[in-house]
Amino acid sequence: MPAPPKRYKVGEIMRHTGLSRQTIHNYTMLGLIHPVERTEAGHRLYDEAVFDRIRKIEMLKIHRTLNEIREMLEEEDKQAGGGQSAAG
């Protein structure tokens, strides 16, 4: 039986990416990243794909606003058949 997929709390994402808690929450509230589930205590949990998504956002921020990035990512998700879950 395969192991369940790893889920990451905000603090773990902060350590892996160097982003602040506020930036991660802003990205979530703007719809740039999406938690895949929540703990019983209400903590957001993200899957492994969040790291690629954050790298992409950080690269795009050089020449685009966060709203432009959100629109781009939404369009990419639509074309990919849904992309990230919006469980949060």
N, C-alpha and C. Protein backbone atom coordinates (compact mmCIF):
# COMPACT_ATOMS: atom_id res chain seq x y z
N MET A 1 0.85 -1.19 0.00
CA MET A 1 0.00 0.00 0.00
C MET A 1 0.89 1.24 0.00
N PRO A 2 0.68 2.16 -0.95
CA PRO A 2 1.55 3.35 -1.01
C PRO A 2 1.30 4.28 0.19
N ALA A 3 2.33 4.97 0.54
CA ALA A 3 2.24 5.94 1.65
C ALA A 3 1.34 7.10 1.21
N PRO A 4 0.62 7.68 2.15
CA PRO A 4 -0.21 8.84 1.77
C PRO A 4 0.67 9.99 1.33
N PRO A 5 0.15 10.84 0.43
CA PRO A 5 0.97 11.97 -0.04
C PRO A 5 1.31 12.92 1.10
N LYS A 6 2.48 13.48 1.04
CA LYS A 6 2.94 14.44 2.05
C LYS A 6 2.13 15.72 1.93
N ARG A 7 1.74 16.25 3.07
CA ARG A 7 1.05 17.52 3.14
C ARG A 7 1.91 18.49 3.93
N TYR A 8 1.90 19.76 3.55
CA TYR A 8 2.77 20.76 4.16
C TYR A 8 1.95 21.86 4.79
N LYS A 9 2.29 22.19 6.04
CA LYS A 9 1.70 23.35 6.71
C LYS A 9 2.43 24.61 6.26
N VAL A 10 1.85 25.75 6.55
CA VAL A 10 2.43 27.03 6.15
C VAL A 10 3.86 27.17 6.67
N GLY A 11 4.11 26.79 7.91
CA GLY A 11 5.45 26.90 8.48
C GLY A 11 6.49 26.11 7.70
N GLU A 12 6.09 24.92 7.22
CA GLU A 12 7.01 24.11 6.42
C GLU A 12 7.28 24.76 5.07
N ILE A 13 6.27 25.35 4.49
CA ILE A 13 6.45 26.04 3.21
C ILE A 13 7.37 27.23 3.41
N MET A 14 7.20 27.93 4.52
CA MET A 14 8.09 29.07 4.84
C MET A 14 9.55 28.61 4.88
N ARG A 15 9.80 27.51 5.57
CA ARG A 15 11.19 27.01 5.69
C ARG A 15 11.75 26.59 4.34
N HIS A 16 10.93 25.96 3.51
CA HIS A 16 11.41 25.47 2.20
C HIS A 16 11.60 26.58 1.18
N THR A 17 10.81 27.66 1.29
CA THR A 17 10.83 28.69 0.24
C THR A 17 11.48 30.00 0.67
N GLY A 18 11.54 30.25 1.98
CA GLY A 18 12.06 31.52 2.46
C GLY A 18 11.02 32.64 2.44
N LEU A 19 9.77 32.31 2.06
CA LEU A 19 8.71 33.32 2.05
C LEU A 19 8.18 33.52 3.47
N SER A 20 7.59 34.68 3.70
CA SER A 20 6.99 34.96 5.00
C SER A 20 5.61 34.31 5.09
N ARG A 21 5.15 34.15 6.31
CA ARG A 21 3.80 33.62 6.56
C ARG A 21 2.76 34.51 5.85
N GLN A 22 2.95 35.82 5.95
CA GLN A 22 2.01 36.76 5.34
C GLN A 22 1.96 36.58 3.82
N THR A 23 3.11 36.39 3.18
CA THR A 23 3.13 36.20 1.73
C THR A 23 2.38 34.94 1.34
N ILE A 24 2.59 33.86 2.07
CA ILE A 24 1.90 32.60 1.77
C ILE A 24 0.39 32.78 1.94
N HIS A 25 0.00 33.45 3.02
CA HIS A 25 -1.44 33.70 3.22
C HIS A 25 -1.99 34.62 2.13
N ASN A 26 -1.23 35.62 1.73
CA ASN A 26 -1.67 36.50 0.64
C ASN A 26 -1.87 35.71 -0.65
N TYR A 27 -0.92 34.85 -0.97
CA TYR A 27 -1.03 34.03 -2.17
C TYR A 27 -2.28 33.15 -2.10
N THR A 28 -2.58 32.63 -0.92
CA THR A 28 -3.77 31.80 -0.75
C THR A 28 -5.03 32.64 -0.92
N MET A 29 -5.07 33.78 -0.26
CA MET A 29 -6.27 34.63 -0.32
C MET A 29 -6.52 35.16 -1.73
N LEU A 30 -5.46 35.39 -2.50
CA LEU A 30 -5.59 35.86 -3.88
C LEU A 30 -5.90 34.72 -4.85
N GLY A 31 -5.86 33.48 -4.37
CA GLY A 31 -6.14 32.34 -5.23
C GLY A 31 -4.97 31.90 -6.07
N LEU A 32 -3.75 32.31 -5.70
CA LEU A 32 -2.56 31.90 -6.44
C LEU A 32 -2.15 30.49 -6.07
N ILE A 33 -2.32 30.12 -4.81
CA ILE A 33 -2.07 28.76 -4.34
C ILE A 33 -3.31 28.31 -3.57
N HIS A 34 -3.48 26.99 -3.50
CA HIS A 34 -4.68 26.45 -2.88
C HIS A 34 -4.33 25.31 -1.94
N PRO A 35 -4.83 25.37 -0.70
CA PRO A 35 -4.65 24.21 0.17
C PRO A 35 -5.47 23.04 -0.36
N VAL A 36 -4.98 21.83 -0.16
CA VAL A 36 -5.71 20.66 -0.63
C VAL A 36 -6.62 20.10 0.46
N GLU A 37 -6.35 20.48 1.70
CA GLU A 37 -7.21 20.08 2.81
C GLU A 37 -6.86 20.91 4.03
N ARG A 38 -7.61 20.68 5.10
CA ARG A 38 -7.36 21.36 6.37
C ARG A 38 -7.30 20.33 7.48
N THR A 39 -6.53 20.65 8.51
CA THR A 39 -6.49 19.78 9.69
C THR A 39 -7.77 20.01 10.49
N GLU A 40 -7.99 19.17 11.50
CA GLU A 40 -9.15 19.36 12.38
C GLU A 40 -9.08 20.72 13.08
N ALA A 41 -7.86 21.21 13.30
CA ALA A 41 -7.68 22.51 13.95
C ALA A 41 -7.82 23.67 12.97
N GLY A 42 -8.03 23.37 11.69
CA GLY A 42 -8.23 24.41 10.70
C GLY A 42 -6.98 24.88 9.98
N HIS A 43 -5.83 24.22 10.22
CA HIS A 43 -4.60 24.60 9.54
C HIS A 43 -4.66 24.18 8.07
N ARG A 44 -4.24 25.07 7.20
CA ARG A 44 -4.21 24.75 5.78
C ARG A 44 -3.08 23.77 5.49
N LEU A 45 -3.36 22.81 4.64
CA LEU A 45 -2.35 21.84 4.21
C LEU A 45 -2.25 21.90 2.69
N TYR A 46 -1.02 21.93 2.22
CA TYR A 46 -0.73 22.04 0.78
C TYR A 46 0.01 20.79 0.33
N ASP A 47 -0.13 20.45 -0.94
CA ASP A 47 0.61 19.30 -1.46
C ASP A 47 1.94 19.74 -2.08
N GLU A 48 2.68 18.78 -2.56
CA GLU A 48 4.02 19.00 -3.12
C GLU A 48 4.00 20.01 -4.27
N ALA A 49 2.90 20.07 -5.02
CA ALA A 49 2.81 20.95 -6.19
C ALA A 49 2.91 22.43 -5.81
N VAL A 50 2.66 22.75 -4.55
CA VAL A 50 2.71 24.16 -4.14
C VAL A 50 4.10 24.76 -4.35
N PHE A 51 5.14 23.95 -4.25
CA PHE A 51 6.50 24.48 -4.39
C PHE A 51 6.79 24.92 -5.82
N ASP A 52 6.37 24.13 -6.80
CA ASP A 52 6.53 24.54 -8.20
C ASP A 52 5.70 25.78 -8.49
N ARG A 53 4.51 25.81 -7.94
CA ARG A 53 3.61 26.94 -8.14
C ARG A 53 4.22 28.22 -7.58
N ILE A 54 4.79 28.14 -6.38
CA ILE A 54 5.42 29.31 -5.76
C ILE A 54 6.63 29.77 -6.56
N ARG A 55 7.44 28.82 -7.05
CA ARG A 55 8.59 29.20 -7.88
C ARG A 55 8.12 29.95 -9.13
N LYS A 56 7.06 29.47 -9.73
CA LYS A 56 6.51 30.12 -10.93
C LYS A 56 6.01 31.53 -10.59
N ILE A 57 5.28 31.66 -9.49
CA ILE A 57 4.76 32.97 -9.07
C ILE A 57 5.92 33.94 -8.85
N GLU A 58 6.94 33.49 -8.15
CA GLU A 58 8.07 34.37 -7.84
C GLU A 58 8.79 34.82 -9.11
N MET A 59 8.89 33.95 -10.10
CA MET A 59 9.52 34.34 -11.37
C MET A 59 8.64 35.32 -12.14
N LEU A 60 7.34 35.07 -12.15
CA LEU A 60 6.42 35.94 -12.88
C LEU A 60 6.29 37.32 -12.24
N LYS A 61 6.50 37.41 -10.94
CA LYS A 61 6.37 38.69 -10.23
C LYS A 61 7.35 39.74 -10.72
N ILE A 62 8.40 39.31 -11.38
CA ILE A 62 9.40 40.25 -11.88
C ILE A 62 8.77 41.24 -12.87
N HIS A 63 7.83 40.75 -13.69
CA HIS A 63 7.26 41.59 -14.75
C HIS A 63 5.74 41.71 -14.72
N ARG A 64 5.09 41.12 -13.72
CA ARG A 64 3.63 41.12 -13.70
C ARG A 64 3.10 41.40 -12.30
N THR A 65 1.86 41.89 -12.24
CA THR A 65 1.22 42.08 -10.94
C THR A 65 0.66 40.73 -10.46
N LEU A 66 0.34 40.65 -9.18
CA LEU A 66 -0.23 39.41 -8.65
C LEU A 66 -1.59 39.12 -9.28
N ASN A 67 -2.36 40.15 -9.59
CA ASN A 67 -3.64 39.91 -10.26
C ASN A 67 -3.44 39.36 -11.67
N GLU A 68 -2.45 39.86 -12.39
CA GLU A 68 -2.15 39.31 -13.72
C GLU A 68 -1.70 37.86 -13.60
N ILE A 69 -0.89 37.57 -12.60
CA ILE A 69 -0.41 36.20 -12.40
C ILE A 69 -1.59 35.28 -12.08
N ARG A 70 -2.50 35.74 -11.21
CA ARG A 70 -3.67 34.94 -10.86
C ARG A 70 -4.47 34.59 -12.12
N GLU A 71 -4.69 35.58 -12.97
CA GLU A 71 -5.44 35.34 -14.21
C GLU A 71 -4.72 34.33 -15.10
N MET A 72 -3.42 34.45 -15.21
CA MET A 72 -2.64 33.51 -16.02
C MET A 72 -2.75 32.10 -15.46
N LEU A 73 -2.58 31.96 -14.14
CA LEU A 73 -2.62 30.65 -13.52
C LEU A 73 -4.01 30.03 -13.61
N GLU A 74 -5.05 30.84 -13.46
CA GLU A 74 -6.42 30.33 -13.60
C GLU A 74 -6.63 29.78 -15.00
N GLU A 75 -6.15 30.49 -16.00
CA GLU A 75 -6.29 30.04 -17.38
C GLU A 75 -5.51 28.74 -17.61
N GLU A 76 -4.29 28.67 -17.08
CA GLU A 76 -3.50 27.44 -17.20
C GLU A 76 -4.21 26.27 -16.52
N ASP A 77 -4.78 26.51 -15.34
CA ASP A 77 -5.49 25.46 -14.62
C ASP A 77 -6.70 24.96 -15.42
N LYS A 78 -7.43 25.89 -16.03
CA LYS A 78 -8.58 25.52 -16.85
C LYS A 78 -8.14 24.62 -18.00
N GLN A 79 -7.06 25.03 -18.66
CA GLN A 79 -6.58 24.27 -19.82
C GLN A 79 -6.04 22.91 -19.41
N ALA A 80 -5.53 22.80 -18.17
CA ALA A 80 -4.98 21.54 -17.68
C ALA A 80 -6.06 20.65 -17.07
N GLY A 81 -7.29 21.09 -17.11
CA GLY A 81 -8.37 20.28 -16.56
C GLY A 81 -8.62 20.46 -15.09
N GLY A 82 -8.36 21.63 -14.58
CA GLY A 82 -8.68 21.90 -13.18
C GLY A 82 -7.50 22.23 -12.32
N GLY A 83 -6.33 21.68 -12.60
CA GLY A 83 -5.13 22.01 -11.82
C GLY A 83 -5.30 21.81 -10.35
N GLN A 84 -4.94 22.80 -9.56
CA GLN A 84 -4.98 22.70 -8.11
C GLN A 84 -6.41 22.72 -7.60
N SER A 85 -6.62 22.03 -6.53
CA SER A 85 -7.91 22.02 -5.85
C SER A 85 -8.14 23.35 -5.17
N ALA A 86 -9.37 23.74 -5.04
CA ALA A 86 -9.71 25.00 -4.36
C ALA A 86 -10.35 24.71 -3.01
N ALA A 87 -9.75 23.84 -2.22
CA ALA A 87 -10.31 23.42 -0.93
C ALA A 87 -9.92 24.37 0.18
N GLY A 88 -10.25 25.59 0.09
CA GLY A 88 -9.86 26.41 1.20
C GLY A 88 -10.39 27.73 1.13
